[in-house]
Amino acid sequence: MSRLNNNRAAVEAGEAKVNVAILGAGGIAHTMADTLTKMAADSRYASWIHPYAVAARDLDRAQAFADQWGLDKAYGSYEDLAADPDVDLVYIATPHSMHAEHAILCMKAGKNVLVEKSFTANTAQAREMLAVAKETGLLCTEAIWTRYMPSRGLINEIIDSGEIGEVKSASANLCYPVVGKARMTDPACAGGALLDVGVYPLNFLDMAIGADHGRTVDHFETSMVAWPETGVDAQNNTTLYYGDGTMGVSTSSMLVTSDRGGYVWGSKGYMVVTNINNPEAIAIYDNDHKLVRNVEMPAQLTGYEYEVADAAAALLDGKTECEAMPHADTIRIMELMDAIRERWNLRFPFEE
């Protein structure tokens, strides 16, 4: 187990900082390195968050990454990173088809993990990971950043206040033309729009009208268009029906650009969330479609700092999950995505 699990006192006494390591050196790993560097220079985080190490499958690549971001250590294998006793928290930045393997490697070596979305390729892998977290007593949490952002609370406060009346419908979309990336079109990498961009509209609906408000999905309808060469979903649409008659529509695509909007409709008006992937503002309209007010989001470093801070705080308190994304929420979303893919008759090679 990490030296700092359930040891907040050491950090508060100034004896240690949470050493954060990055497993993987691709594009999203650079975003995390940028985040950690900025946190280390920010008075809110500098006393307890430290950008520590990176691992890649090639030492030269890892060293170049470490040099670029000023990290203490670079490792040419994931096993070497996991063996470092000074690593407290590992951000898993590899493709989601490999998340389970890499997170389990780290946890069995005594490291807490913050796992990039999609948490895993399917529910079976997620359950395997969480079983190891329970066995080891280590933190294992999904790094879907919108769950940790202040925007979540602001959106829910508006809905719960009754300002837009009784909410009965919502929609959310996230679409980027990213078919040029092999991991998106390759079934062996658990490719497709759903597990990459589709997790965001599904999570938006879960927070804005679903579980955050006591609703559960009763049933759903879904359709997709397959990428012709490999059969993964190129774009999709899913309508969720909740037990009280509320409806939510989730749309994602790797073929086109969308407005990335989140829309929540009520009996007295509606709200428009600009960019569900990283909310920028919330516009509230009345029944006459007149703008009532606009809510801006708090300034952020990159947006990733919230998930890092939550994960670091959780491990210092000896927790195995984060309140913002508990294991039950991760499993619920994974089960929904599995059910959607089953309706499409889409299985990955490793699921056959």
Protein backbone atom coordinates (compact mmCIF):
# COMPACT_ATOMS: atom_id res chain seq x y z
CA MET A 1 0.00 0.00 0.00
CA SER A 2 1.14 3.55 -0.71
CA ARG A 3 3.03 5.30 2.09
CA LEU A 4 0.28 7.95 2.21
CA ASN A 5 -2.90 5.89 2.28
CA ASN A 6 -4.88 7.04 5.32
CA ASN A 7 -1.94 9.27 6.25
CA ARG A 8 -3.19 12.81 5.77
CA ALA A 9 -1.22 13.82 8.86
CA ALA A 10 2.08 13.39 7.00
CA VAL A 11 0.98 15.82 4.31
CA GLU A 12 -0.48 18.34 6.75
CA ALA A 13 2.77 18.24 8.72
CA GLY A 14 4.69 19.07 5.54
CA GLU A 15 6.56 15.75 5.64
CA ALA A 16 5.35 14.48 2.25
CA LYS A 17 3.37 15.24 -0.89
CA VAL A 18 1.22 12.95 -2.99
CA ASN A 19 3.53 11.75 -5.76
CA VAL A 20 1.50 11.40 -8.95
CA ALA A 21 2.77 9.24 -11.80
CA ILE A 22 1.48 8.88 -15.35
CA LEU A 23 1.27 5.47 -17.01
CA GLY A 24 1.38 6.07 -20.76
CA ALA A 25 2.86 8.93 -22.75
CA GLY A 26 0.26 9.78 -25.39
CA GLY A 27 -1.72 12.94 -25.95
CA ILE A 28 -3.93 12.76 -22.87
CA ALA A 29 -0.87 11.99 -20.73
CA HIS A 30 0.61 15.33 -21.82
CA THR A 31 -2.59 17.07 -20.73
CA MET A 32 -2.27 15.47 -17.31
CA ALA A 33 1.42 16.42 -17.09
CA ASP A 34 0.48 20.01 -17.91
CA THR A 35 -2.17 19.86 -15.19
CA LEU A 36 0.20 18.48 -12.56
CA THR A 37 2.84 21.08 -13.43
CA LYS A 38 0.29 23.85 -12.99
CA MET A 39 -0.99 22.36 -9.74
CA ALA A 40 2.56 22.27 -8.38
CA ALA A 41 2.80 26.00 -9.04
CA ASP A 42 -0.63 26.86 -7.61
CA SER A 43 -1.03 27.81 -3.95
CA ARG A 44 -4.13 25.60 -3.60
CA TYR A 45 -2.21 22.44 -4.49
CA ALA A 46 1.53 23.10 -4.27
CA SER A 47 1.88 21.91 -0.68
CA TRP A 48 0.42 18.47 -1.31
CA ILE A 49 0.50 17.50 -5.03
CA HIS A 50 3.80 16.60 -6.75
CA PRO A 51 4.32 15.68 -10.44
CA TYR A 52 6.60 12.69 -9.99
CA ALA A 53 7.06 10.15 -12.79
CA VAL A 54 6.03 8.79 -16.20
CA ALA A 55 6.25 5.36 -17.79
CA ALA A 56 6.20 4.38 -21.45
CA ARG A 57 7.13 1.20 -23.27
CA ASP A 58 10.26 2.93 -24.49
CA LEU A 59 12.66 4.57 -22.03
CA ASP A 60 13.80 7.26 -24.48
CA ARG A 61 10.20 8.32 -25.03
CA ALA A 62 9.54 8.35 -21.30
CA GLN A 63 12.69 10.35 -20.61
CA ALA A 64 11.79 12.93 -23.26
CA PHE A 65 8.36 13.25 -21.65
CA ALA A 66 9.87 13.63 -18.17
CA ASP A 67 12.34 16.22 -19.41
CA GLN A 68 9.59 18.22 -21.10
CA TRP A 69 7.48 18.41 -17.96
CA GLY A 70 10.17 18.38 -15.28
CA LEU A 71 9.23 15.04 -13.74
CA ASP A 72 11.58 13.33 -11.30
CA LYS A 73 11.57 9.86 -12.84
CA ALA A 74 11.12 8.17 -16.21
CA TYR A 75 10.53 4.45 -16.67
CA GLY A 76 10.78 2.31 -19.80
CA SER A 77 8.21 -0.20 -18.58
CA TYR A 78 4.96 -0.05 -16.67
CA GLU A 79 6.23 -2.71 -14.29
CA ASP A 80 9.17 -0.52 -13.26
CA LEU A 81 6.84 2.37 -12.48
CA ALA A 82 4.58 0.13 -10.42
CA ALA A 83 7.59 -1.09 -8.43
CA ASP A 84 8.65 2.41 -7.35
CA PRO A 85 7.81 2.69 -3.61
CA ASP A 86 7.54 6.48 -3.80
CA VAL A 87 4.61 6.47 -6.24
CA ASP A 88 1.32 7.22 -4.46
CA LEU A 89 -1.18 7.71 -7.29
CA VAL A 90 -1.00 6.46 -10.89
CA TYR A 91 -2.99 8.10 -13.66
CA ILE A 92 -3.76 5.37 -16.23
CA ALA A 93 -3.51 7.05 -19.64
CA THR A 94 -3.38 4.06 -22.00
CA PRO A 95 -6.24 3.08 -24.39
CA HIS A 96 -9.30 1.88 -22.48
CA SER A 97 -8.93 -1.67 -23.80
CA MET A 98 -5.81 -1.90 -21.58
CA HIS A 99 -7.05 -0.05 -18.50
CA ALA A 100 -7.94 -3.16 -16.52
CA GLU A 101 -4.57 -4.81 -17.11
CA HIS A 102 -2.60 -1.71 -16.18
CA ALA A 103 -4.71 -0.66 -13.21
CA ILE A 104 -4.56 -4.16 -11.73
CA LEU A 105 -0.77 -4.21 -12.23
CA CYS A 106 -0.48 -0.98 -10.25
CA MET A 107 -2.89 -1.93 -7.48
CA LYS A 108 -1.23 -5.29 -6.92
CA ALA A 109 2.03 -3.35 -6.53
CA GLY A 110 0.41 -1.16 -3.86
CA LYS A 111 -0.44 1.88 -5.97
CA ASN A 112 -3.69 3.85 -6.04
CA VAL A 113 -5.12 4.46 -9.51
CA LEU A 114 -7.00 7.21 -11.30
CA VAL A 115 -8.23 5.56 -14.50
CA GLU A 116 -9.02 7.59 -17.60
CA LYS A 117 -12.43 7.09 -19.21
CA SER A 118 -13.80 4.85 -20.43
CA PHE A 119 -13.01 3.09 -17.17
CA THR A 120 -12.71 -0.24 -18.99
CA ALA A 121 -13.92 -1.84 -22.21
CA ASN A 122 -16.80 -3.64 -20.48
CA THR A 123 -18.43 -4.32 -17.12
CA ALA A 124 -16.63 -7.61 -16.56
CA GLN A 125 -13.26 -5.83 -16.68
CA ALA A 126 -14.58 -3.09 -14.39
CA ARG A 127 -15.75 -5.62 -11.81
CA GLU A 128 -12.38 -7.36 -11.95
CA MET A 129 -10.60 -4.07 -11.29
CA LEU A 130 -12.87 -3.12 -8.42
CA ALA A 131 -12.44 -6.55 -6.86
CA VAL A 132 -8.69 -5.91 -6.76
CA ALA A 133 -9.32 -2.48 -5.23
CA LYS A 134 -11.39 -4.12 -2.50
CA GLU A 135 -8.78 -6.83 -1.98
CA THR A 136 -5.91 -4.35 -1.67
CA GLY A 137 -7.79 -1.53 0.08
CA LEU A 138 -6.51 0.94 -2.49
CA LEU A 139 -8.21 3.82 -4.25
CA CYS A 140 -9.51 3.03 -7.73
CA THR A 141 -11.55 5.75 -9.41
CA GLU A 142 -12.63 6.74 -12.90
CA ALA A 143 -11.17 9.95 -14.30
CA ILE A 144 -14.20 11.28 -16.14
CA TRP A 145 -13.46 14.91 -15.41
CA THR A 146 -16.99 16.31 -15.74
CA ARG A 147 -18.02 14.29 -12.66
CA TYR A 148 -15.54 16.25 -10.53
CA MET A 149 -16.00 19.75 -11.99
CA PRO A 150 -17.87 22.59 -10.22
CA SER A 151 -20.27 22.66 -13.20
CA ARG A 152 -21.96 19.51 -11.90
CA GLY A 153 -23.06 21.19 -8.70
CA LEU A 154 -24.09 24.38 -10.48
CA ILE A 155 -26.27 22.50 -12.98
CA ASN A 156 -27.92 20.47 -10.23
CA GLU A 157 -28.51 23.54 -8.06
CA ILE A 158 -30.42 25.22 -10.89
CA ILE A 159 -32.53 22.12 -11.51
CA ASP A 160 -33.22 21.49 -7.81
CA SER A 161 -34.18 25.15 -7.24
CA GLY A 162 -37.17 24.80 -9.55
CA GLU A 163 -36.05 27.77 -11.65
CA ILE A 164 -36.88 25.94 -14.88
CA GLY A 165 -39.82 24.10 -13.36
CA GLU A 166 -40.43 20.37 -13.45
CA VAL A 167 -37.77 18.73 -15.59
CA LYS A 168 -39.06 15.97 -17.85
CA SER A 169 -36.65 15.86 -20.79
CA ALA A 170 -33.02 16.46 -21.74
CA SER A 171 -30.50 15.78 -24.49
CA ALA A 172 -26.74 15.82 -24.79
CA ASN A 173 -24.33 15.31 -27.65
CA LEU A 174 -20.60 15.02 -28.25
CA CYS A 175 -19.22 14.45 -31.72
CA TYR A 176 -15.73 14.88 -33.16
CA PRO A 177 -14.36 13.72 -36.55
CA VAL A 178 -11.68 11.36 -35.20
CA VAL A 179 -11.78 8.37 -37.55
CA GLY A 180 -8.13 9.03 -38.41
CA LYS A 181 -7.09 7.55 -35.05
CA ALA A 182 -6.56 3.80 -35.24
CA ARG A 183 -7.74 3.21 -31.69
CA MET A 184 -11.14 4.63 -32.64
CA THR A 185 -11.78 2.22 -35.51
CA ASP A 186 -10.02 -0.91 -34.22
CA PRO A 187 -12.28 -3.41 -32.39
CA ALA A 188 -9.21 -4.89 -30.68
CA CYS A 189 -8.77 -1.50 -28.98
CA ALA A 190 -12.46 -1.37 -28.02
CA GLY A 191 -12.92 1.32 -30.64
CA GLY A 192 -16.03 3.22 -31.61
CA ALA A 193 -17.77 6.44 -30.69
CA LEU A 194 -19.66 5.11 -27.67
CA LEU A 195 -16.76 4.24 -25.36
CA ASP A 196 -14.73 7.29 -26.35
CA VAL A 197 -16.99 10.32 -26.79
CA GLY A 198 -20.31 8.68 -25.95
CA VAL A 199 -19.49 8.35 -22.26
CA TYR A 200 -19.87 12.12 -21.87
CA PRO A 201 -23.50 12.57 -22.96
CA LEU A 202 -24.48 9.45 -21.00
CA ASN A 203 -22.77 10.81 -17.89
CA PHE A 204 -24.29 14.25 -18.46
CA LEU A 205 -27.78 12.74 -18.49
CA ASP A 206 -27.00 10.61 -15.44
CA MET A 207 -26.00 13.73 -13.52
CA ALA A 208 -28.55 16.23 -14.86
CA ILE A 209 -31.73 14.13 -14.86
CA GLY A 210 -30.76 10.60 -13.75
CA ALA A 211 -29.16 9.17 -10.64
CA ASP A 212 -28.22 12.58 -9.19
CA HIS A 213 -31.96 13.24 -8.96
CA GLY A 214 -33.05 9.81 -7.79
CA ARG A 215 -34.13 8.46 -11.18
CA THR A 216 -33.24 5.10 -12.66
CA VAL A 217 -33.40 4.04 -16.30
CA ASP A 218 -36.44 1.86 -16.94
CA HIS A 219 -35.64 1.01 -20.57
CA PHE A 220 -33.94 2.46 -23.63
CA GLU A 221 -34.00 2.51 -27.42
CA THR A 222 -30.81 2.79 -29.44
CA SER A 223 -29.40 2.72 -32.95
CA MET A 224 -26.01 3.12 -34.57
CA VAL A 225 -24.22 3.35 -37.91
CA ALA A 226 -21.19 1.08 -38.16
CA TRP A 227 -17.74 2.00 -39.43
CA PRO A 228 -17.78 -0.08 -42.64
CA GLU A 229 -14.24 -1.47 -42.47
CA THR A 230 -14.37 -2.79 -38.89
CA GLY A 231 -17.96 -2.73 -37.64
CA VAL A 232 -17.46 -0.52 -34.57
CA ASP A 233 -20.05 2.20 -34.02
CA ALA A 234 -19.26 5.31 -36.02
CA GLN A 235 -22.20 7.25 -34.65
CA ASN A 236 -25.08 6.43 -32.39
CA ASN A 237 -28.20 7.66 -30.68
CA THR A 238 -29.78 6.35 -27.46
CA THR A 239 -33.02 7.42 -25.81
CA LEU A 240 -33.26 6.69 -22.09
CA TYR A 241 -36.67 6.32 -20.44
CA TYR A 242 -36.73 6.82 -16.67
CA GLY A 243 -39.28 5.33 -14.30
CA ASP A 244 -41.22 8.59 -13.87
CA GLY A 245 -41.60 9.25 -17.60
CA THR A 246 -38.61 11.56 -17.95
CA MET A 247 -36.65 11.09 -21.19
CA GLY A 248 -33.03 11.71 -22.11
CA VAL A 249 -31.38 11.51 -25.53
CA SER A 250 -27.66 10.82 -25.93
CA THR A 251 -25.87 11.28 -29.27
CA SER A 252 -22.23 10.66 -30.14
CA SER A 253 -20.24 10.36 -33.36
CA MET A 254 -16.68 10.06 -34.57
CA LEU A 255 -17.62 11.29 -38.07
CA VAL A 256 -18.82 14.87 -37.56
CA THR A 257 -18.56 17.95 -35.37
CA SER A 258 -21.51 18.77 -33.11
CA ASP A 259 -22.27 21.73 -30.87
CA ARG A 260 -21.41 19.58 -27.79
CA GLY A 261 -24.48 20.96 -26.08
CA GLY A 262 -26.38 19.77 -23.04
CA TYR A 263 -30.06 20.74 -22.92
CA VAL A 264 -32.38 20.32 -19.94
CA TRP A 265 -36.04 21.18 -20.49
CA GLY A 266 -38.54 22.04 -17.76
CA SER A 267 -42.11 23.31 -17.41
CA LYS A 268 -40.99 26.90 -16.71
CA GLY A 269 -38.02 27.12 -19.07
CA TYR A 270 -34.83 25.36 -19.99
CA MET A 271 -31.06 25.48 -19.70
CA VAL A 272 -28.33 25.18 -22.29
CA VAL A 273 -24.92 23.95 -21.15
CA THR A 274 -22.14 24.97 -23.50
CA ASN A 275 -19.79 22.02 -24.12
CA ILE A 276 -20.68 19.01 -21.99
CA ASN A 277 -17.09 17.79 -22.40
CA ASN A 278 -15.83 20.79 -20.40
CA PRO A 279 -18.73 23.07 -19.47
CA GLU A 280 -18.07 26.74 -20.20
CA ALA A 281 -21.38 28.37 -19.31
CA ILE A 282 -25.01 27.66 -18.44
CA ALA A 283 -27.67 29.77 -20.14
CA ILE A 284 -31.14 29.77 -18.54
CA TYR A 285 -34.18 30.65 -20.64
CA ASP A 286 -37.85 31.17 -19.74
CA ASN A 287 -40.90 29.79 -21.52
CA ASP A 288 -40.76 32.66 -24.01
CA HIS A 289 -37.18 31.67 -24.94
CA LYS A 290 -35.82 34.85 -23.38
CA LEU A 291 -32.45 34.63 -21.66
CA VAL A 292 -32.98 34.93 -17.91
CA ARG A 293 -29.35 34.73 -16.90
CA ASN A 294 -26.01 33.22 -17.79
CA VAL A 295 -23.83 31.32 -15.33
CA GLU A 296 -20.10 31.29 -16.06
CA MET A 297 -17.85 28.51 -14.83
CA PRO A 298 -15.07 29.19 -12.30
CA ALA A 299 -11.59 29.67 -13.75
CA GLN A 300 -9.63 26.43 -13.99
CA LEU A 301 -6.07 25.29 -14.64
CA THR A 302 -6.96 22.66 -17.24
CA GLY A 303 -10.06 21.07 -15.73
CA TYR A 304 -8.17 17.91 -14.79
CA GLU A 305 -7.10 19.35 -11.44
CA TYR A 306 -10.45 18.55 -9.83
CA GLU A 307 -10.17 14.79 -10.38
CA VAL A 308 -6.52 14.75 -9.24
CA ALA A 309 -7.33 16.67 -6.06
CA ASP A 310 -10.33 14.47 -5.27
CA ALA A 311 -8.35 11.27 -5.82
CA ALA A 312 -5.39 12.50 -3.77
CA ALA A 313 -7.67 13.61 -0.93
CA ALA A 314 -9.51 10.29 -0.98
CA LEU A 315 -6.34 8.21 -0.65
CA LEU A 316 -5.07 10.43 2.16
CA ASP A 317 -8.32 9.65 3.98
CA GLY A 318 -7.97 5.91 3.34
CA LYS A 319 -10.90 5.70 0.93
CA THR A 320 -11.17 3.24 -1.96
CA GLU A 321 -13.46 5.44 -4.08
CA CYS A 322 -14.20 9.11 -4.71
CA GLU A 323 -17.54 10.59 -3.70
CA ALA A 324 -17.83 12.30 -7.09
CA MET A 325 -17.53 8.99 -8.96
CA PRO A 326 -18.23 6.07 -6.62
CA HIS A 327 -17.84 2.53 -7.88
CA ALA A 328 -21.61 2.08 -8.14
CA ASP A 329 -21.85 4.96 -10.60
CA THR A 330 -19.03 3.58 -12.73
CA ILE A 331 -20.66 0.14 -12.84
CA ARG A 332 -24.06 1.62 -13.69
CA ILE A 333 -22.68 3.47 -16.71
CA MET A 334 -20.58 0.49 -17.81
CA GLU A 335 -23.62 -1.80 -17.61
CA LEU A 336 -25.64 0.66 -19.68
CA MET A 337 -22.95 0.81 -22.37
CA ASP A 338 -22.71 -3.00 -22.40
CA ALA A 339 -26.48 -3.22 -22.85
CA ILE A 340 -26.37 -0.68 -25.68
CA ARG A 341 -23.63 -2.62 -27.49
CA GLU A 342 -25.55 -5.86 -26.95
CA ARG A 343 -28.58 -4.28 -28.64
CA TRP A 344 -26.29 -3.45 -31.58
CA ASN A 345 -24.82 -6.98 -31.60
CA LEU A 346 -21.39 -5.38 -31.26
CA ARG A 347 -18.75 -7.41 -29.45
CA PHE A 348 -15.02 -6.85 -29.32
CA PRO A 349 -12.64 -9.69 -30.24
CA PHE A 350 -11.60 -10.22 -26.62
CA GLU A 351 -15.26 -10.71 -25.65
CA GLU A 352 -15.92 -13.57 -28.07
